[in-house]
Amino acid sequence: MDIIKVSSTSRTSAVAGAIAGVIREHKHAEVQAIGAGAVNQAVKALILAT
């Protein structure tokens, strides 16, 4: 399984879709976000994916 890397310019819906797909396949996902903007996008995507 690969790490899902999130940046501050990542589209929230695209990241959420990637997270949901990985969770369906592997039952867990690993997300990497460095910086406040990236963490913000990652958290929003995690909320959408669940």
N, C-alpha and C. Protein backbone atom coordinates (compact mmCIF):
# COMPACT_ATOMS: atom_id res chain seq x y z
N MET A 1 0.85 -1.18 0.00
CA MET A 1 0.00 0.00 0.00
C MET A 1 0.89 1.24 0.00
N ASP A 2 0.51 2.22 -0.79
CA ASP A 2 1.26 3.47 -0.88
C ASP A 2 0.73 4.50 0.11
N ILE A 3 1.57 5.46 0.41
CA ILE A 3 1.17 6.58 1.26
C ILE A 3 0.45 7.60 0.39
N ILE A 4 -0.68 8.10 0.87
CA ILE A 4 -1.40 9.16 0.17
C ILE A 4 -0.81 10.48 0.64
N LYS A 5 -0.16 11.19 -0.26
CA LYS A 5 0.49 12.45 0.09
C LYS A 5 -0.45 13.60 -0.25
N VAL A 6 -0.65 14.49 0.72
CA VAL A 6 -1.59 15.59 0.58
C VAL A 6 -0.83 16.90 0.69
N SER A 7 -1.10 17.82 -0.23
CA SER A 7 -0.51 19.16 -0.15
C SER A 7 -1.62 20.17 0.09
N SER A 8 -1.24 21.40 0.32
CA SER A 8 -2.24 22.44 0.59
C SER A 8 -3.07 22.75 -0.65
N THR A 9 -2.57 22.37 -1.84
CA THR A 9 -3.31 22.63 -3.08
C THR A 9 -4.09 21.40 -3.58
N SER A 10 -4.05 20.31 -2.81
CA SER A 10 -4.78 19.10 -3.20
C SER A 10 -6.28 19.35 -3.16
N ARG A 11 -7.00 18.78 -4.15
CA ARG A 11 -8.46 18.88 -4.15
C ARG A 11 -9.02 17.94 -3.10
N THR A 12 -9.82 18.47 -2.19
CA THR A 12 -10.35 17.70 -1.07
C THR A 12 -11.12 16.47 -1.56
N SER A 13 -11.95 16.65 -2.56
CA SER A 13 -12.77 15.54 -3.05
C SER A 13 -11.91 14.44 -3.68
N ALA A 14 -10.85 14.81 -4.36
CA ALA A 14 -9.95 13.82 -4.97
C ALA A 14 -9.22 13.01 -3.89
N VAL A 15 -8.76 13.69 -2.86
CA VAL A 15 -8.08 13.01 -1.77
C VAL A 15 -9.06 12.10 -1.03
N ALA A 16 -10.28 12.58 -0.80
CA ALA A 16 -11.30 11.77 -0.12
C ALA A 16 -11.59 10.51 -0.92
N GLY A 17 -11.69 10.62 -2.23
CA GLY A 17 -11.92 9.45 -3.07
C GLY A 17 -10.77 8.46 -3.00
N ALA A 18 -9.56 8.97 -2.99
CA ALA A 18 -8.38 8.10 -2.88
C ALA A 18 -8.36 7.38 -1.54
N ILE A 19 -8.66 8.10 -0.47
CA ILE A 19 -8.69 7.50 0.86
C ILE A 19 -9.77 6.42 0.93
N ALA A 20 -10.96 6.73 0.44
CA ALA A 20 -12.07 5.76 0.48
C ALA A 20 -11.72 4.50 -0.31
N GLY A 21 -11.10 4.67 -1.48
CA GLY A 21 -10.72 3.52 -2.29
C GLY A 21 -9.69 2.64 -1.60
N VAL A 22 -8.70 3.25 -0.98
CA VAL A 22 -7.66 2.49 -0.28
C VAL A 22 -8.26 1.78 0.93
N ILE A 23 -9.14 2.45 1.65
CA ILE A 23 -9.76 1.83 2.82
C ILE A 23 -10.62 0.64 2.40
N ARG A 24 -11.35 0.76 1.29
CA ARG A 24 -12.16 -0.37 0.80
C ARG A 24 -11.28 -1.57 0.47
N GLU A 25 -10.12 -1.30 -0.11
CA GLU A 25 -9.24 -2.38 -0.55
C GLU A 25 -8.40 -2.97 0.58
N HIS A 26 -7.85 -2.11 1.44
CA HIS A 26 -6.88 -2.57 2.45
C HIS A 26 -7.36 -2.47 3.89
N LYS A 27 -8.54 -1.89 4.11
CA LYS A 27 -9.11 -1.70 5.46
C LYS A 27 -8.40 -0.64 6.29
N HIS A 28 -7.39 0.01 5.74
CA HIS A 28 -6.76 1.16 6.41
C HIS A 28 -6.00 1.98 5.35
N ALA A 29 -5.71 3.22 5.69
CA ALA A 29 -4.99 4.10 4.77
C ALA A 29 -3.94 4.88 5.53
N GLU A 30 -2.85 5.18 4.85
CA GLU A 30 -1.78 5.99 5.43
C GLU A 30 -1.72 7.31 4.68
N VAL A 31 -1.87 8.41 5.41
CA VAL A 31 -1.93 9.73 4.80
C VAL A 31 -0.78 10.57 5.35
N GLN A 32 -0.09 11.28 4.45
CA GLN A 32 1.02 12.15 4.86
C GLN A 32 0.70 13.58 4.47
N ALA A 33 0.79 14.48 5.43
CA ALA A 33 0.57 15.91 5.18
C ALA A 33 1.57 16.70 6.01
N ILE A 34 2.29 17.59 5.36
CA ILE A 34 3.30 18.40 6.05
C ILE A 34 2.91 19.86 5.90
N GLY A 35 2.71 20.53 7.01
CA GLY A 35 2.33 21.94 7.00
C GLY A 35 0.87 22.13 7.32
N ALA A 36 0.54 23.31 7.78
CA ALA A 36 -0.82 23.59 8.24
C ALA A 36 -1.85 23.47 7.13
N GLY A 37 -1.56 24.00 5.95
CA GLY A 37 -2.51 23.92 4.84
C GLY A 37 -2.75 22.50 4.39
N ALA A 38 -1.69 21.71 4.34
CA ALA A 38 -1.82 20.31 3.93
C ALA A 38 -2.59 19.50 4.96
N VAL A 39 -2.33 19.75 6.23
CA VAL A 39 -3.07 19.05 7.29
C VAL A 39 -4.54 19.42 7.23
N ASN A 40 -4.84 20.68 6.97
CA ASN A 40 -6.23 21.13 6.84
C ASN A 40 -6.93 20.36 5.72
N GLN A 41 -6.30 20.27 4.55
CA GLN A 41 -6.88 19.54 3.43
C GLN A 41 -7.05 18.06 3.76
N ALA A 42 -6.07 17.47 4.43
CA ALA A 42 -6.13 16.06 4.78
C ALA A 42 -7.27 15.77 5.75
N VAL A 43 -7.45 16.62 6.75
CA VAL A 43 -8.52 16.42 7.72
C VAL A 43 -9.88 16.55 7.05
N LYS A 44 -10.04 17.54 6.18
CA LYS A 44 -11.31 17.71 5.46
C LYS A 44 -11.58 16.48 4.58
N ALA A 45 -10.54 15.96 3.93
CA ALA A 45 -10.71 14.78 3.09
C ALA A 45 -11.07 13.55 3.91
N LEU A 46 -10.45 13.40 5.08
CA LEU A 46 -10.78 12.27 5.96
C LEU A 46 -12.23 12.34 6.41
N ILE A 47 -12.71 13.52 6.70
CA ILE A 47 -14.11 13.68 7.11
C ILE A 47 -15.03 13.29 5.96
N LEU A 48 -14.72 13.71 4.75
CA LEU A 48 -15.55 13.36 3.59
C LEU A 48 -15.50 11.87 3.28
N ALA A 49 -14.36 11.24 3.50
CA ALA A 49 -14.19 9.83 3.15
C ALA A 49 -14.92 8.89 4.10
N THR A 50 -15.24 9.36 5.29
CA THR A 50 -15.88 8.46 6.27
C THR A 50 -17.37 8.57 6.25
